[in-house]
Amino acid sequence: MNALASNTALPDLCGEQPQRPVTLPGEFIPAPRKDISLQANTVIVPHMLCSKCKPIRVWLQHNQEVKKQPLPQIFNHYDTGAGLEQAYLKGCHLCTLFWRAIKHQADFRNGRQERESMLKRIRQERHIRVGIHASDLVGEPADKPSALKISSEISGSILHEIYLFLRLWQDELRFLALADMEPSVSSSIPVSAAPMSITTSSSSTLHLVASWLELCVTRHRSCQPAVNYASALPKRLLDLSEEDGTNQVKVVLTDDSFFGTKYAAVSYCWGNSSGYRLTSSTMTKLQAGIGIQEVPQTIQDAIYIARRLGLRWLWVDSLCIIQDSFVDWAREAESMVDVYQNCFLCIAAVGAVSSNLGLFAKRDPLLYQRCQMTTDLGGRTIWAEPSLSPNDDLRADLDNSALHMRGWAVQEWLLSPRTLSFGSRIFWECREHFCEETGRVDGYKKLGFKHDFSTMVLQRTGSAQLSNESKEAIWRLWHKILFAYTRAKLTEKTDRLIALTGIIRAFERSTGWRNIAGLWEPFMPKELAWKIKEDHPDRALAGPSWSWTAVNGDISMLSTALVEDLACVAVLRDTRLSDGPDTDPQAMISITGTTFRFTEDSPRGSFCTLVDVHEDLWIIFSRDLAQLRKPEIFLPLVRRRKRHRDIYGLALASSVRWPGLYERVGSVEVRNRNGPPLAEVLFDPARHQTITLV
């Protein structure tokens, strides 16, 4: 049994803990390994309470069920808010969580510039009190303690909104009941977490990383190497061998002798990076070998981690793709599905906005750990948690990180069998587990679409026949990936489709489907009915107007469960069109369907009217770009399955570049609340025609 769950007394704060960095939760503050002043291996002891918080623990220990005790139970705390802050600085775990919540509220309500003035007022508040409050959660017993709320004598104080959750856990290290997990999964969960130190480069943290990797390699079936394709090996790898004692690395061309080689890949933000890159002029020197101090800090740290984990080979895009060769870059971009899918480990710098900042960070460990309030109560323990994450969302810091806002990182994360992420704390994610260094674990059922992508796409081949149900499930998975991808950012807007090529290739291999400019041919015309979610981009990108690749913004797709194709619509063909030998060919698509013309005064705000169509319709127009381009033709595509009155389609305008052809300028939703179903009104065979879109 873990020591924290035993019947031994929990620690009280005597004196002060070692000095901790003053940081905000999730804040990435670089901590170079060479900075000896950081004392990277310093461990902060959790669950220690000051003299003001100890009575709260004692009461909870003796009144867990609270069946006969009135709530709220109020405890006098510090005389001033400044006293609470000092207890936080000295290392009281509960006071740290309170002060974290206070700083978060001050920042949320007033912005960073006004935070200090708000905190100054809080420091002056008098007679701080902490109350144990009864549950107000639906389905919870009214006499069960659910929160610690802090207040003062000042009416209307921000402190009245500060609280911590009190939770009773069966097992203090897990957020997922092991009974809900497969035996092969539950057996591989670490029984304890490493002590959290003030930096992510500590020996204890790296030891935990090594244990995660060993457990995954030896016990996770889903994380084992996938099918080896002919192009599975990267063209170049970075050799990290230290045999010559020079501490140099060099770029090596791979050949058949490298087949089966274990290598790590790096996922990171370039930012305003400096240091060596592979170009035509640096090729010779990089193949001969350079000192690791000549590459950006993030790459140096990735080399350190790979070596610590016993890996000799590393793939880094800036050093393994010729940066001034479009031919080499395009070829390697096509092979991303193999580079990341077949890597042994992906090392992700999720916190650093630039490769000059490195992997490692300093932090206050108490900000990320729950505070144990009671000893073992028959296998159950009460913990205090920050109010900032009531849903126990382990992914919040990761999903909102600098790296996960980078478009290229989406496929790097999805394709890799296992990812080790370095931010203000360290995360482990493979195809069966997601966890972080405090010891909290989510099993495969909470992994989201990374697990689905592995089981539904990477682990199957296109030779097996797909049922209609499987096709729909895979298509829904694609929509989830597309939403995550389009909300991320790309430095080069021309990478809009290229940065997703690896995932598209994986879908093609698995299903045999054909992808046309980012849209899946088997699901036309539904795929054409995409919509810009919120902010409309200022200008179009290089893609065809009918594809989401033509706009830079968040994309939403219609749910396949809600809509069906209109019987009168058919996507006939797609071709390529060029207006000169020196121009890129433009993808075209021809659609046969029923068309309607917009009236001259359309749109009026978001609403339109159609020529010769009754006025009982609500016709809602959503433009694709910020600058309005007047729509000319409405082309219906799909209808809602259960309410045939609702129709979705495209708003089209004549192409300026190619006379006689049309371009998409927006999406249209038609609602009919009072009249007969739209199918009876709109689908006149006389209106049938074929339109070609570019």
Foldseek 3Di string as FASTA:
>chain_A
DDPQQAQDDFAADDFFAPFADDDAVLAFAFDDPPPVVQVFQRFADFQYAYPQCLVVLVCCQVCQQQPPPDPWDKGWGDFALLVLVVRLRRRGLVSVLQVNQLLVVLCVVPNDVCSVVLSVVRRGFGGKMKIFGADPDPPDDRSGGFKIQIDGPDPPRPSRVFIWTKDKDLQQQEPDDCVVDDPLQSVLADNAFFRDGQKCPHPSNLVRVLSNLVSCVVRPPLLDAFDDDPLLDAQKKKFQDCVVVPQWIAIDGDDPVCPPAAEEEEFEAAAVHAFDFAAPVCNVVRRVTDHLVRGAQQVSQVSVSCVVNPHGIYDYCRHRFHPPDPVRVLVVLLNPLSHALRHSEYEYQQADNHSNRHQMGGGDVSNPAWHWSYHNDPSMTITIGGPPCPPPDPCPSRCPTNRLLELLVLSSVLNHQWYWYGGSFIWIDGLFWTDTRNSYIDGNVPNPLSNVCSVLFRRAFQPDDDDPVSVLVVVVSLQVSLQSNLSHDYPDLQCLPSSCSSVVVRNCGHHVWDADQNFTPVPPPQSQQKAADDAAAAAFDDAFQSHPSRGRGRIHGDRPLWKDWDPFKDWDDKDWDDPDPPDDTYIKTKMKHFKWFWDPPPDDVQFTDTPPADDQKTKGKDFRHPDADGFTMWGWTMATDPQQQKTKTFGWDADPVDGPAIGTGTIIIMHGDPDDRVVVGGGDVVRIDMHMGD
